[in-house]
N, C-alpha and C. Protein backbone atom coordinates (compact mmCIF):
# COMPACT_ATOMS: atom_id res chain seq x y z
N MET A 1 -17.61 16.96 0.66
CA MET A 1 -17.24 16.03 1.71
C MET A 1 -15.76 15.67 1.59
N THR A 2 -15.10 15.58 2.72
CA THR A 2 -13.69 15.26 2.76
C THR A 2 -13.45 13.81 2.36
N ARG A 3 -12.47 13.60 1.49
CA ARG A 3 -12.09 12.24 1.11
C ARG A 3 -11.04 11.72 2.10
N VAL A 4 -10.99 10.40 2.21
CA VAL A 4 -10.10 9.74 3.16
C VAL A 4 -9.27 8.69 2.41
N ALA A 5 -7.98 8.66 2.70
CA ALA A 5 -7.07 7.70 2.08
C ALA A 5 -6.33 6.91 3.15
N ILE A 6 -5.94 5.71 2.78
CA ILE A 6 -4.99 4.91 3.55
C ILE A 6 -3.75 4.75 2.69
N VAL A 7 -2.58 4.92 3.30
CA VAL A 7 -1.32 4.66 2.62
C VAL A 7 -0.53 3.69 3.48
N THR A 8 -0.25 2.49 2.95
CA THR A 8 0.59 1.53 3.66
C THR A 8 2.05 1.77 3.31
N GLY A 9 2.93 1.31 4.17
CA GLY A 9 4.35 1.54 3.95
C GLY A 9 4.68 3.02 3.91
N ALA A 10 4.04 3.78 4.80
CA ALA A 10 4.09 5.25 4.72
C ALA A 10 5.19 5.89 5.56
N ALA A 11 5.95 5.11 6.30
CA ALA A 11 6.93 5.70 7.21
C ALA A 11 8.10 6.37 6.49
N GLN A 12 8.35 5.97 5.25
CA GLN A 12 9.51 6.51 4.54
C GLN A 12 9.29 6.40 3.03
N GLY A 13 10.18 7.00 2.30
CA GLY A 13 10.25 6.82 0.85
C GLY A 13 9.00 7.21 0.09
N ILE A 14 8.63 6.37 -0.86
CA ILE A 14 7.50 6.64 -1.73
C ILE A 14 6.20 6.79 -0.94
N GLY A 15 5.97 5.91 0.03
CA GLY A 15 4.75 5.97 0.82
C GLY A 15 4.59 7.28 1.57
N ARG A 16 5.68 7.74 2.15
CA ARG A 16 5.66 9.02 2.87
C ARG A 16 5.33 10.16 1.91
N ALA A 17 5.96 10.16 0.75
CA ALA A 17 5.72 11.21 -0.25
C ALA A 17 4.27 11.18 -0.73
N ILE A 18 3.72 9.99 -0.92
CA ILE A 18 2.32 9.87 -1.36
C ILE A 18 1.39 10.43 -0.29
N ALA A 19 1.62 10.07 0.97
CA ALA A 19 0.77 10.55 2.06
C ALA A 19 0.78 12.07 2.12
N LEU A 20 1.96 12.66 2.01
CA LEU A 20 2.06 14.13 2.05
C LEU A 20 1.37 14.76 0.84
N ARG A 21 1.49 14.17 -0.31
CA ARG A 21 0.84 14.71 -1.51
C ARG A 21 -0.68 14.64 -1.38
N LEU A 22 -1.18 13.52 -0.90
CA LEU A 22 -2.63 13.40 -0.70
C LEU A 22 -3.12 14.47 0.26
N ALA A 23 -2.40 14.67 1.36
CA ALA A 23 -2.79 15.70 2.33
C ALA A 23 -2.76 17.08 1.70
N SER A 24 -1.74 17.37 0.90
CA SER A 24 -1.65 18.68 0.26
C SER A 24 -2.77 18.87 -0.77
N ASP A 25 -3.34 17.77 -1.24
CA ASP A 25 -4.48 17.83 -2.16
C ASP A 25 -5.83 17.86 -1.42
N GLY A 26 -5.80 17.98 -0.08
CA GLY A 26 -7.03 18.14 0.69
C GLY A 26 -7.66 16.85 1.16
N ILE A 27 -6.89 15.79 1.24
CA ILE A 27 -7.41 14.48 1.63
C ILE A 27 -6.91 14.13 3.03
N ASP A 28 -7.79 13.63 3.89
CA ASP A 28 -7.39 13.12 5.20
C ASP A 28 -6.73 11.76 5.00
N VAL A 29 -5.74 11.46 5.84
CA VAL A 29 -4.90 10.29 5.57
C VAL A 29 -4.67 9.44 6.82
N THR A 30 -4.84 8.13 6.65
CA THR A 30 -4.35 7.15 7.62
C THR A 30 -3.03 6.64 7.08
N VAL A 31 -1.99 6.72 7.91
CA VAL A 31 -0.68 6.19 7.51
C VAL A 31 -0.42 4.91 8.29
N ASN A 32 0.16 3.95 7.60
CA ASN A 32 0.37 2.62 8.17
C ASN A 32 1.79 2.15 7.88
N ASP A 33 2.34 1.43 8.83
CA ASP A 33 3.61 0.73 8.63
C ASP A 33 3.75 -0.26 9.78
N ILE A 34 4.86 -0.96 9.80
CA ILE A 34 5.10 -1.97 10.84
C ILE A 34 5.47 -1.30 12.16
N ASN A 35 5.39 -2.08 13.24
CA ASN A 35 5.58 -1.56 14.59
C ASN A 35 6.89 -0.81 14.78
N SER A 36 7.96 -1.26 14.15
CA SER A 36 9.26 -0.62 14.34
C SER A 36 9.33 0.78 13.72
N LYS A 37 8.30 1.17 12.98
CA LYS A 37 8.28 2.48 12.32
C LYS A 37 7.34 3.46 13.02
N GLN A 38 6.97 3.19 14.27
CA GLN A 38 6.00 4.02 14.98
C GLN A 38 6.44 5.49 15.07
N ALA A 39 7.69 5.74 15.41
CA ALA A 39 8.15 7.13 15.56
C ALA A 39 8.05 7.88 14.23
N GLU A 40 8.43 7.23 13.14
CA GLU A 40 8.36 7.87 11.82
C GLU A 40 6.91 8.18 11.45
N LEU A 41 5.99 7.27 11.78
CA LEU A 41 4.57 7.51 11.48
C LEU A 41 4.03 8.66 12.31
N GLU A 42 4.40 8.73 13.57
CA GLU A 42 3.91 9.83 14.42
C GLU A 42 4.40 11.18 13.89
N ASN A 43 5.66 11.23 13.44
CA ASN A 43 6.17 12.46 12.84
C ASN A 43 5.42 12.82 11.57
N LEU A 44 5.09 11.81 10.77
CA LEU A 44 4.35 12.05 9.53
C LEU A 44 2.94 12.55 9.83
N VAL A 45 2.28 12.00 10.83
CA VAL A 45 0.95 12.47 11.22
C VAL A 45 1.02 13.95 11.60
N ASP A 46 2.02 14.32 12.38
CA ASP A 46 2.18 15.73 12.76
C ASP A 46 2.38 16.62 11.53
N GLU A 47 3.18 16.15 10.58
CA GLU A 47 3.43 16.92 9.37
C GLU A 47 2.15 17.09 8.54
N ILE A 48 1.36 16.02 8.44
CA ILE A 48 0.10 16.09 7.70
C ILE A 48 -0.86 17.06 8.39
N LYS A 49 -0.94 16.99 9.70
CA LYS A 49 -1.81 17.90 10.45
C LYS A 49 -1.38 19.35 10.27
N SER A 50 -0.07 19.58 10.13
CA SER A 50 0.41 20.95 9.91
C SER A 50 -0.03 21.49 8.55
N LEU A 51 -0.43 20.58 7.65
CA LEU A 51 -0.97 20.98 6.34
C LEU A 51 -2.48 21.24 6.41
N GLY A 52 -3.05 21.09 7.60
CA GLY A 52 -4.47 21.36 7.79
C GLY A 52 -5.38 20.17 7.54
N ARG A 53 -4.82 18.98 7.48
CA ARG A 53 -5.62 17.78 7.26
C ARG A 53 -5.66 16.94 8.52
N ASN A 54 -6.67 16.09 8.61
CA ASN A 54 -6.76 15.14 9.69
C ASN A 54 -5.92 13.92 9.31
N ALA A 55 -5.25 13.34 10.29
CA ALA A 55 -4.41 12.17 10.02
C ALA A 55 -4.31 11.30 11.26
N ILE A 56 -4.23 10.00 11.03
CA ILE A 56 -4.00 9.04 12.11
C ILE A 56 -2.97 8.03 11.63
N SER A 57 -2.29 7.41 12.59
CA SER A 57 -1.38 6.31 12.25
C SER A 57 -1.94 5.03 12.86
N ILE A 58 -1.81 3.96 12.10
CA ILE A 58 -2.23 2.64 12.56
C ILE A 58 -1.11 1.67 12.22
N LEU A 59 -0.53 1.11 13.25
CA LEU A 59 0.52 0.13 13.05
C LEU A 59 -0.09 -1.20 12.62
N GLY A 60 0.61 -1.92 11.76
CA GLY A 60 0.12 -3.23 11.34
C GLY A 60 0.94 -3.78 10.19
N ASP A 61 0.85 -5.08 10.05
CA ASP A 61 1.58 -5.84 9.04
C ASP A 61 0.63 -6.22 7.92
N VAL A 62 0.85 -5.68 6.72
CA VAL A 62 -0.06 -5.94 5.60
C VAL A 62 -0.04 -7.39 5.15
N SER A 63 0.94 -8.17 5.58
CA SER A 63 0.96 -9.58 5.20
C SER A 63 0.01 -10.42 6.04
N LYS A 64 -0.68 -9.78 6.97
CA LYS A 64 -1.67 -10.46 7.82
C LYS A 64 -3.03 -9.85 7.54
N GLU A 65 -3.91 -10.64 6.93
CA GLU A 65 -5.19 -10.11 6.47
C GLU A 65 -6.01 -9.50 7.59
N VAL A 66 -6.01 -10.10 8.76
CA VAL A 66 -6.79 -9.57 9.88
C VAL A 66 -6.30 -8.17 10.27
N GLU A 67 -5.00 -7.90 10.14
CA GLU A 67 -4.48 -6.57 10.46
C GLU A 67 -4.88 -5.55 9.41
N VAL A 68 -4.97 -5.97 8.17
CA VAL A 68 -5.43 -5.07 7.09
C VAL A 68 -6.91 -4.76 7.29
N GLN A 69 -7.70 -5.75 7.64
CA GLN A 69 -9.12 -5.52 7.90
C GLN A 69 -9.31 -4.55 9.06
N ARG A 70 -8.48 -4.69 10.10
CA ARG A 70 -8.53 -3.77 11.25
C ARG A 70 -8.12 -2.36 10.83
N LEU A 71 -7.14 -2.25 9.95
CA LEU A 71 -6.68 -0.97 9.42
C LEU A 71 -7.83 -0.23 8.74
N VAL A 72 -8.56 -0.92 7.89
CA VAL A 72 -9.69 -0.31 7.19
C VAL A 72 -10.80 0.04 8.17
N ALA A 73 -11.15 -0.87 9.06
CA ALA A 73 -12.24 -0.63 10.01
C ALA A 73 -11.94 0.57 10.91
N LYS A 74 -10.70 0.64 11.41
CA LYS A 74 -10.34 1.75 12.31
C LYS A 74 -10.31 3.07 11.56
N THR A 75 -9.87 3.05 10.30
CA THR A 75 -9.88 4.27 9.49
C THR A 75 -11.29 4.80 9.34
N VAL A 76 -12.22 3.91 8.99
CA VAL A 76 -13.62 4.31 8.80
C VAL A 76 -14.20 4.80 10.12
N GLU A 77 -13.89 4.12 11.19
CA GLU A 77 -14.39 4.52 12.52
C GLU A 77 -13.90 5.92 12.90
N GLU A 78 -12.63 6.21 12.64
CA GLU A 78 -12.05 7.48 13.10
C GLU A 78 -12.15 8.62 12.09
N LEU A 79 -12.11 8.28 10.79
CA LEU A 79 -12.11 9.34 9.78
C LEU A 79 -13.39 9.38 8.94
N GLY A 80 -14.26 8.39 9.08
CA GLY A 80 -15.59 8.47 8.49
C GLY A 80 -15.85 7.68 7.23
N SER A 81 -14.82 7.36 6.43
CA SER A 81 -15.04 6.60 5.20
C SER A 81 -13.69 6.13 4.69
N LEU A 82 -13.72 5.47 3.54
CA LEU A 82 -12.50 5.12 2.82
C LEU A 82 -12.76 5.37 1.34
N ASP A 83 -11.99 6.27 0.77
CA ASP A 83 -12.15 6.64 -0.64
C ASP A 83 -10.97 6.24 -1.50
N ILE A 84 -9.79 6.16 -0.89
CA ILE A 84 -8.56 5.86 -1.63
C ILE A 84 -7.73 4.89 -0.80
N MET A 85 -7.30 3.81 -1.42
CA MET A 85 -6.36 2.88 -0.78
C MET A 85 -5.09 2.86 -1.62
N VAL A 86 -3.97 3.16 -0.99
CA VAL A 86 -2.67 3.06 -1.66
C VAL A 86 -1.90 1.93 -0.98
N ALA A 87 -1.86 0.79 -1.64
CA ALA A 87 -1.18 -0.40 -1.12
C ALA A 87 0.29 -0.31 -1.54
N ASN A 88 1.05 0.42 -0.75
CA ASN A 88 2.42 0.77 -1.09
C ASN A 88 3.48 -0.07 -0.38
N ALA A 89 3.15 -0.70 0.73
CA ALA A 89 4.16 -1.41 1.53
C ALA A 89 4.88 -2.45 0.68
N GLY A 90 6.18 -2.54 0.89
CA GLY A 90 6.96 -3.52 0.16
C GLY A 90 8.30 -3.76 0.81
N VAL A 91 8.89 -4.90 0.49
CA VAL A 91 10.21 -5.26 0.99
C VAL A 91 11.04 -5.81 -0.17
N PHE A 92 12.36 -5.74 0.00
CA PHE A 92 13.27 -6.26 -1.02
C PHE A 92 14.55 -6.73 -0.35
N THR A 93 14.92 -7.97 -0.61
CA THR A 93 16.20 -8.51 -0.18
C THR A 93 16.80 -9.22 -1.38
N PRO A 94 17.93 -8.73 -1.91
CA PRO A 94 18.51 -9.36 -3.09
C PRO A 94 19.02 -10.76 -2.80
N ALA A 95 18.80 -11.65 -3.75
CA ALA A 95 19.32 -13.02 -3.65
C ALA A 95 19.26 -13.65 -5.04
N SER A 96 20.26 -14.44 -5.33
CA SER A 96 20.28 -15.12 -6.62
C SER A 96 19.31 -16.30 -6.60
N LEU A 97 19.01 -16.80 -7.77
CA LEU A 97 18.14 -17.98 -7.87
C LEU A 97 18.73 -19.17 -7.12
N LEU A 98 20.04 -19.30 -7.11
CA LEU A 98 20.69 -20.43 -6.43
C LEU A 98 20.73 -20.25 -4.92
N ASP A 99 20.67 -19.02 -4.45
CA ASP A 99 20.85 -18.75 -3.03
C ASP A 99 19.59 -18.36 -2.26
N ILE A 100 18.52 -18.04 -2.93
CA ILE A 100 17.34 -17.55 -2.21
C ILE A 100 16.77 -18.65 -1.32
N THR A 101 16.46 -18.27 -0.09
CA THR A 101 15.87 -19.23 0.85
C THR A 101 14.35 -19.19 0.74
N ASP A 102 13.72 -20.25 1.18
CA ASP A 102 12.26 -20.27 1.23
C ASP A 102 11.74 -19.14 2.11
N GLU A 103 12.42 -18.92 3.24
CA GLU A 103 12.00 -17.86 4.16
C GLU A 103 12.03 -16.49 3.50
N ASN A 104 13.11 -16.18 2.78
CA ASN A 104 13.23 -14.89 2.09
C ASN A 104 12.17 -14.77 0.99
N PHE A 105 12.02 -15.82 0.19
CA PHE A 105 11.04 -15.79 -0.89
C PHE A 105 9.64 -15.56 -0.32
N ASP A 106 9.28 -16.33 0.71
CA ASP A 106 7.94 -16.22 1.29
C ASP A 106 7.70 -14.85 1.91
N ARG A 107 8.69 -14.28 2.59
CA ARG A 107 8.53 -12.96 3.20
C ARG A 107 8.24 -11.91 2.14
N ILE A 108 8.99 -11.93 1.06
CA ILE A 108 8.78 -10.95 -0.01
C ILE A 108 7.41 -11.14 -0.64
N MET A 109 7.02 -12.37 -0.90
CA MET A 109 5.71 -12.62 -1.50
C MET A 109 4.58 -12.23 -0.53
N ASN A 110 4.76 -12.52 0.74
CA ASN A 110 3.71 -12.21 1.72
C ASN A 110 3.46 -10.71 1.84
N VAL A 111 4.51 -9.92 1.87
CA VAL A 111 4.34 -8.47 1.99
C VAL A 111 3.95 -7.85 0.65
N ASN A 112 4.73 -8.11 -0.38
CA ASN A 112 4.56 -7.42 -1.66
C ASN A 112 3.35 -7.87 -2.46
N CYS A 113 3.01 -9.13 -2.39
CA CYS A 113 1.92 -9.65 -3.22
C CYS A 113 0.65 -9.90 -2.39
N LYS A 114 0.76 -10.74 -1.37
CA LYS A 114 -0.41 -10.96 -0.52
C LYS A 114 -0.86 -9.68 0.16
N GLY A 115 0.09 -8.85 0.58
CA GLY A 115 -0.26 -7.58 1.22
C GLY A 115 -1.10 -6.70 0.31
N VAL A 116 -0.75 -6.66 -0.96
CA VAL A 116 -1.55 -5.90 -1.93
C VAL A 116 -2.93 -6.53 -2.07
N LEU A 117 -2.98 -7.85 -2.21
CA LEU A 117 -4.28 -8.54 -2.31
C LEU A 117 -5.16 -8.21 -1.10
N TYR A 118 -4.61 -8.29 0.10
CA TYR A 118 -5.39 -8.03 1.31
C TYR A 118 -5.86 -6.57 1.36
N CYS A 119 -4.99 -5.64 0.99
CA CYS A 119 -5.37 -4.23 0.98
C CYS A 119 -6.47 -3.96 -0.05
N TYR A 120 -6.30 -4.49 -1.25
CA TYR A 120 -7.30 -4.31 -2.29
C TYR A 120 -8.65 -4.85 -1.83
N ARG A 121 -8.63 -6.08 -1.32
CA ARG A 121 -9.88 -6.75 -0.95
C ARG A 121 -10.59 -6.02 0.19
N ALA A 122 -9.86 -5.67 1.24
CA ALA A 122 -10.49 -4.97 2.37
C ALA A 122 -11.03 -3.61 1.94
N ALA A 123 -10.28 -2.91 1.09
CA ALA A 123 -10.75 -1.61 0.60
C ALA A 123 -11.99 -1.77 -0.26
N ALA A 124 -11.99 -2.74 -1.14
CA ALA A 124 -13.14 -2.93 -2.04
C ALA A 124 -14.40 -3.28 -1.25
N VAL A 125 -14.27 -4.13 -0.25
CA VAL A 125 -15.44 -4.48 0.57
C VAL A 125 -16.04 -3.21 1.19
N GLN A 126 -15.18 -2.35 1.74
CA GLN A 126 -15.66 -1.11 2.35
C GLN A 126 -16.24 -0.17 1.31
N MET A 127 -15.58 -0.02 0.18
CA MET A 127 -16.06 0.90 -0.86
C MET A 127 -17.39 0.43 -1.45
N ILE A 128 -17.55 -0.86 -1.63
CA ILE A 128 -18.83 -1.39 -2.12
C ILE A 128 -19.92 -1.13 -1.08
N ARG A 129 -19.60 -1.34 0.19
CA ARG A 129 -20.55 -1.08 1.28
C ARG A 129 -20.98 0.38 1.28
N GLN A 130 -20.05 1.30 1.05
CA GLN A 130 -20.35 2.73 1.04
C GLN A 130 -21.17 3.14 -0.17
N GLY A 131 -21.03 2.41 -1.29
CA GLY A 131 -21.84 2.66 -2.47
C GLY A 131 -21.47 3.88 -3.29
N LYS A 132 -20.26 4.39 -3.13
CA LYS A 132 -19.87 5.59 -3.90
C LYS A 132 -18.58 5.41 -4.68
N GLY A 133 -18.14 4.17 -4.83
CA GLY A 133 -16.93 3.90 -5.59
C GLY A 133 -15.69 4.25 -4.80
N GLY A 134 -14.58 4.33 -5.52
CA GLY A 134 -13.32 4.66 -4.87
C GLY A 134 -12.15 4.41 -5.79
N ARG A 135 -10.98 4.63 -5.25
CA ARG A 135 -9.73 4.46 -5.99
C ARG A 135 -8.80 3.55 -5.20
N ILE A 136 -8.31 2.52 -5.87
CA ILE A 136 -7.36 1.59 -5.25
C ILE A 136 -6.11 1.60 -6.11
N ILE A 137 -4.96 1.77 -5.45
CA ILE A 137 -3.69 1.91 -6.16
C ILE A 137 -2.66 1.01 -5.49
N GLY A 138 -1.92 0.27 -6.29
CA GLY A 138 -0.91 -0.63 -5.75
C GLY A 138 0.48 -0.33 -6.25
N ALA A 139 1.46 -0.76 -5.47
CA ALA A 139 2.87 -0.56 -5.83
C ALA A 139 3.38 -1.77 -6.59
N SER A 140 3.55 -1.59 -7.89
CA SER A 140 4.27 -2.59 -8.68
C SER A 140 5.69 -2.06 -8.84
N SER A 141 6.32 -2.31 -9.94
CA SER A 141 7.70 -1.89 -10.16
C SER A 141 8.06 -2.17 -11.61
N VAL A 142 9.11 -1.54 -12.09
CA VAL A 142 9.62 -1.93 -13.41
C VAL A 142 10.00 -3.40 -13.39
N ARG A 143 10.30 -3.93 -12.20
CA ARG A 143 10.60 -5.36 -12.08
C ARG A 143 9.34 -6.22 -12.21
N GLY A 144 8.19 -5.61 -12.26
CA GLY A 144 6.96 -6.32 -12.58
C GLY A 144 6.73 -6.38 -14.08
N LEU A 145 7.62 -5.76 -14.83
CA LEU A 145 7.56 -5.77 -16.29
C LEU A 145 8.73 -6.56 -16.88
N GLN A 146 9.88 -6.49 -16.21
CA GLN A 146 11.08 -7.20 -16.66
C GLN A 146 11.93 -7.50 -15.45
N SER A 147 12.27 -8.76 -15.26
CA SER A 147 13.05 -9.15 -14.10
C SER A 147 14.51 -8.73 -14.23
N GLY A 148 15.22 -8.82 -13.13
CA GLY A 148 16.65 -8.51 -13.11
C GLY A 148 17.39 -9.54 -12.28
N ILE A 149 18.71 -9.49 -12.34
CA ILE A 149 19.49 -10.46 -11.57
C ILE A 149 19.36 -10.18 -10.08
N PHE A 150 19.41 -11.24 -9.30
CA PHE A 150 19.32 -11.20 -7.84
C PHE A 150 17.99 -10.63 -7.35
N GLU A 151 16.95 -10.69 -8.20
CA GLU A 151 15.65 -10.10 -7.84
C GLU A 151 14.47 -11.03 -8.12
N VAL A 152 14.69 -12.33 -8.08
CA VAL A 152 13.63 -13.24 -8.50
C VAL A 152 12.37 -13.09 -7.64
N ALA A 153 12.47 -13.12 -6.33
CA ALA A 153 11.27 -13.03 -5.49
C ALA A 153 10.60 -11.67 -5.64
N TYR A 154 11.39 -10.62 -5.66
CA TYR A 154 10.84 -9.27 -5.83
C TYR A 154 10.11 -9.17 -7.16
N SER A 155 10.74 -9.65 -8.24
CA SER A 155 10.11 -9.58 -9.55
C SER A 155 8.83 -10.39 -9.61
N VAL A 156 8.85 -11.60 -9.08
CA VAL A 156 7.64 -12.43 -9.06
C VAL A 156 6.52 -11.70 -8.31
N SER A 157 6.87 -11.09 -7.18
CA SER A 157 5.85 -10.39 -6.39
C SER A 157 5.26 -9.22 -7.16
N LYS A 158 6.08 -8.50 -7.91
CA LYS A 158 5.60 -7.33 -8.64
C LYS A 158 4.85 -7.72 -9.91
N PHE A 159 5.22 -8.82 -10.56
CA PHE A 159 4.39 -9.37 -11.64
C PHE A 159 3.02 -9.73 -11.06
N GLY A 160 3.01 -10.30 -9.86
CA GLY A 160 1.76 -10.65 -9.20
C GLY A 160 0.88 -9.45 -8.92
N VAL A 161 1.49 -8.35 -8.52
CA VAL A 161 0.71 -7.12 -8.28
C VAL A 161 0.01 -6.69 -9.57
N ARG A 162 0.70 -6.79 -10.68
CA ARG A 162 0.08 -6.44 -11.97
C ARG A 162 -1.14 -7.30 -12.23
N ALA A 163 -1.03 -8.60 -12.00
CA ALA A 163 -2.15 -9.52 -12.24
C ALA A 163 -3.32 -9.23 -11.30
N ILE A 164 -3.03 -9.03 -10.03
CA ILE A 164 -4.08 -8.72 -9.06
C ILE A 164 -4.77 -7.42 -9.45
N THR A 165 -3.99 -6.42 -9.84
CA THR A 165 -4.53 -5.11 -10.21
C THR A 165 -5.44 -5.22 -11.43
N GLN A 166 -5.00 -5.92 -12.46
CA GLN A 166 -5.81 -6.06 -13.67
C GLN A 166 -7.11 -6.81 -13.38
N THR A 167 -7.02 -7.86 -12.58
CA THR A 167 -8.22 -8.63 -12.24
C THR A 167 -9.19 -7.79 -11.41
N ALA A 168 -8.67 -7.08 -10.41
CA ALA A 168 -9.52 -6.24 -9.56
C ALA A 168 -10.20 -5.15 -10.39
N ALA A 169 -9.46 -4.55 -11.31
CA ALA A 169 -10.06 -3.50 -12.15
C ALA A 169 -11.23 -4.06 -12.96
N LEU A 170 -11.07 -5.24 -13.48
CA LEU A 170 -12.14 -5.86 -14.27
C LEU A 170 -13.34 -6.23 -13.40
N GLU A 171 -13.09 -6.74 -12.21
CA GLU A 171 -14.18 -7.20 -11.34
C GLU A 171 -14.91 -6.06 -10.65
N TRP A 172 -14.21 -4.99 -10.27
CA TRP A 172 -14.81 -3.97 -9.42
C TRP A 172 -15.20 -2.70 -10.15
N GLY A 173 -14.94 -2.64 -11.44
CA GLY A 173 -15.34 -1.47 -12.22
C GLY A 173 -16.83 -1.21 -12.16
N VAL A 174 -17.61 -2.27 -12.06
CA VAL A 174 -19.07 -2.13 -12.00
C VAL A 174 -19.51 -1.41 -10.72
N HIS A 175 -18.63 -1.33 -9.75
CA HIS A 175 -18.92 -0.63 -8.49
C HIS A 175 -18.31 0.77 -8.48
N ASN A 176 -17.87 1.25 -9.64
CA ASN A 176 -17.22 2.55 -9.77
C ASN A 176 -15.94 2.64 -8.95
N ILE A 177 -15.25 1.51 -8.86
CA ILE A 177 -13.95 1.45 -8.20
C ILE A 177 -12.90 1.30 -9.30
N THR A 178 -11.98 2.25 -9.37
CA THR A 178 -10.87 2.12 -10.31
C THR A 178 -9.67 1.54 -9.57
N VAL A 179 -8.97 0.66 -10.27
CA VAL A 179 -7.82 -0.02 -9.67
C VAL A 179 -6.65 0.11 -10.63
N ASN A 180 -5.57 0.69 -10.15
CA ASN A 180 -4.37 0.90 -10.95
C ASN A 180 -3.14 0.60 -10.11
N ALA A 181 -2.01 0.43 -10.79
CA ALA A 181 -0.73 0.26 -10.10
C ALA A 181 0.29 1.18 -10.73
N TYR A 182 1.22 1.63 -9.93
CA TYR A 182 2.34 2.41 -10.45
C TYR A 182 3.57 1.51 -10.44
N ALA A 183 4.49 1.78 -11.35
CA ALA A 183 5.64 0.89 -11.53
C ALA A 183 6.93 1.70 -11.65
N PRO A 184 7.42 2.23 -10.53
CA PRO A 184 8.63 3.04 -10.60
C PRO A 184 9.88 2.19 -10.84
N GLY A 185 10.90 2.84 -11.33
CA GLY A 185 12.23 2.23 -11.38
C GLY A 185 12.91 2.46 -10.05
N LEU A 186 14.23 2.40 -10.04
CA LEU A 186 14.99 2.61 -8.81
C LEU A 186 14.83 4.05 -8.34
N ILE A 187 14.39 4.21 -7.11
CA ILE A 187 14.17 5.52 -6.50
C ILE A 187 15.14 5.65 -5.32
N ASP A 188 15.66 6.84 -5.11
CA ASP A 188 16.60 7.08 -4.02
C ASP A 188 15.83 7.17 -2.70
N THR A 189 15.53 5.99 -2.15
CA THR A 189 14.83 5.88 -0.87
C THR A 189 15.61 4.89 0.00
N PRO A 190 15.29 4.80 1.29
CA PRO A 190 15.98 3.81 2.13
C PRO A 190 15.89 2.38 1.59
N MET A 191 14.76 2.00 0.99
CA MET A 191 14.63 0.65 0.44
C MET A 191 15.56 0.46 -0.76
N GLY A 192 15.84 1.52 -1.49
CA GLY A 192 16.68 1.42 -2.67
C GLY A 192 18.17 1.42 -2.40
N GLU A 193 18.54 1.63 -1.13
CA GLU A 193 19.97 1.69 -0.78
C GLU A 193 20.62 0.33 -0.79
C-alpha cells in the first residue's frame, strides 16, 4: 500500500527537498505552505508527479489549528491516509533581546512552536484513528540546543519543538507512532539568507 506524507513549509528550502526525497522514495505527498507560496507549491506538485508519485498542494497557515486540521482531513480525503507528518514550516526574524517586539516574538512562536504542536496533534489523531501507527517529524534547529545572539524568539521556539517532540514520543509510542525532530545548522536556503 502506498504511504502518504504531509510536508509543511514545502515551497522552498529544506521542506521542498524533503518533499522531493519522500516522492523519490515512493511516497505520495501533500505539500503545504502559506498563500503567497501558491506558485512554488504548484511547481513542486508537478515535479513530484514527474517522479511518478501522486501529489497535491494545500495552502494554509500552520499557526492556525483549524487550518492544520483541514490540511490533514483533505490529505486523507484525496490521498487515502496519513502515514508521515513533517512539520517543517518555520520563520526567523533576527532581533536582540532589547529590541524584539511582542509581535515578532509571538509570530515566531506561533509558527515555529504552536505550528509544530498543531501538526503533531492533528497527525496523531488521524494516525490513531487509522490504527497502523505512523511517523511524525518536526523541524528543530541547533538553536534548539544552544541559543545565539539576535535569535531569542527563534531559539525559544526551537527549544519548544524539542520538548513537544520528546513528550509526543513518550505519549504516542503505545500507538506505534514514532516522533522525532531534526536539528540542522545554518543551511543555504532563502530563510538562511
